Amino acid sequence: MNPIIERIETELNKIFGSLSGCYSVKISSILKQIDLSCLSKETQSQFSLQAIMKLYIWKKIRAVKKYEEAETHFLNNKHEAYQLGFNKD
């Protein structure tokens, strides 16, 4: 298996293990805890690769099809956008 995928799976297992007994957790709170620095490369984007990957995962989990829908959600829930790595800058 890919070592990067193994590392992410290990982190997710730790996170979900620590949530024992929790019944309601925001997806962004879980994704905030994932370290995707192993994916980081030099990019020309104004957003970090980690933030973009966490947005992709968030969209898949929430079954969001359009970025406009995600944008509206995050404009109304700025704390979740911040948790994924999107700063006000």
Protein backbone atom coordinates (compact mmCIF):
# COMPACT_ATOMS: atom_id res chain seq x y z
CA MET A 1 0.00 0.00 0.00
CA ASN A 2 1.05 3.59 -0.57
CA PRO A 3 2.92 4.91 2.52
CA ILE A 4 1.09 8.25 2.35
CA ILE A 5 -2.29 6.53 2.40
CA GLU A 6 -1.13 4.32 5.29
CA ARG A 7 -0.05 7.41 7.22
CA ILE A 8 -3.41 9.12 6.66
CA GLU A 9 -5.30 5.96 7.64
CA THR A 10 -3.24 5.69 10.84
CA GLU A 11 -4.07 9.30 11.72
CA LEU A 12 -7.77 8.76 11.01
CA ASN A 13 -7.82 5.66 13.19
CA LYS A 14 -6.28 7.65 16.06
CA ILE A 15 -8.79 10.48 15.59
CA PHE A 16 -11.81 8.18 15.45
CA GLY A 17 -10.49 6.20 18.43
CA SER A 18 -10.33 9.40 20.46
CA LEU A 19 -13.96 10.19 19.60
CA SER A 20 -15.28 7.21 21.51
CA GLY A 21 -18.56 8.19 23.16
CA CYS A 22 -19.11 11.25 20.98
CA TYR A 23 -22.36 11.19 19.07
CA SER A 24 -22.09 14.38 17.09
CA VAL A 25 -18.88 15.78 15.61
CA LYS A 26 -18.45 18.26 12.77
CA ILE A 27 -16.59 16.86 9.78
CA SER A 28 -14.39 19.95 9.73
CA SER A 29 -13.33 19.26 13.34
CA ILE A 30 -12.11 15.81 12.35
CA LEU A 31 -10.38 17.01 9.18
CA LYS A 32 -8.66 19.80 11.12
CA GLN A 33 -6.75 17.13 13.03
CA ILE A 34 -5.40 15.35 9.95
CA ASP A 35 -1.81 16.20 9.06
CA LEU A 36 -1.49 16.17 5.27
CA SER A 37 1.92 17.82 5.23
CA CYS A 38 3.29 14.69 3.55
CA LEU A 39 1.42 15.85 0.43
CA SER A 40 2.78 19.39 0.46
CA LYS A 41 4.61 20.61 -2.60
CA GLU A 42 5.31 24.02 -4.00
CA THR A 43 2.10 25.33 -5.53
CA GLN A 44 1.02 28.53 -7.20
CA SER A 45 -2.38 28.46 -5.46
CA GLN A 46 -3.39 30.99 -2.84
CA PHE A 47 -4.57 28.02 -0.71
CA SER A 48 -2.44 25.30 0.81
CA LEU A 49 -2.58 21.83 -0.67
CA GLN A 50 -3.69 20.56 2.75
CA ALA A 51 -6.72 22.89 2.74
CA ILE A 52 -7.66 21.83 -0.79
CA MET A 53 -7.38 18.12 0.09
CA LYS A 54 -9.46 18.60 3.24
CA LEU A 55 -12.08 20.46 1.18
CA TYR A 56 -12.18 17.56 -1.28
CA ILE A 57 -12.67 15.05 1.56
CA TRP A 58 -15.31 17.30 3.17
CA LYS A 59 -17.20 17.53 -0.14
CA LYS A 60 -17.17 13.75 -0.57
CA ILE A 61 -18.41 13.11 2.98
CA ARG A 62 -21.13 15.77 2.76
CA ALA A 63 -22.07 14.71 -0.81
CA VAL A 64 -21.64 18.28 -2.03
CA LYS A 65 -21.56 18.32 -5.82
CA LYS A 66 -20.83 21.97 -6.61
CA TYR A 67 -18.17 24.27 -5.23
CA GLU A 68 -20.75 27.07 -5.15
CA GLU A 69 -22.71 25.05 -2.58
CA ALA A 70 -19.54 24.59 -0.50
CA GLU A 71 -18.74 28.29 -0.81
CA THR A 72 -22.19 29.26 0.45
CA HIS A 73 -21.87 26.84 3.36
CA PHE A 74 -18.48 28.21 4.39
CA LEU A 75 -19.57 31.84 4.04
CA ASN A 76 -22.30 31.03 6.57
CA ASN A 77 -20.01 28.81 8.71
CA LYS A 78 -16.66 30.59 8.71
CA HIS A 79 -15.35 28.57 11.66
CA GLU A 80 -15.59 25.39 9.57
CA ALA A 81 -13.70 27.01 6.70
CA TYR A 82 -11.01 28.04 9.16
CA GLN A 83 -10.82 24.49 10.55
CA LEU A 84 -10.14 23.18 7.05
CA GLY A 85 -7.31 25.66 6.59
CA PHE A 86 -8.95 28.52 4.73
CA ASN A 87 -7.93 31.75 6.44
CA LYS A 88 -9.42 35.21 5.99
CA ASP A 89 -6.37 36.38 4.01
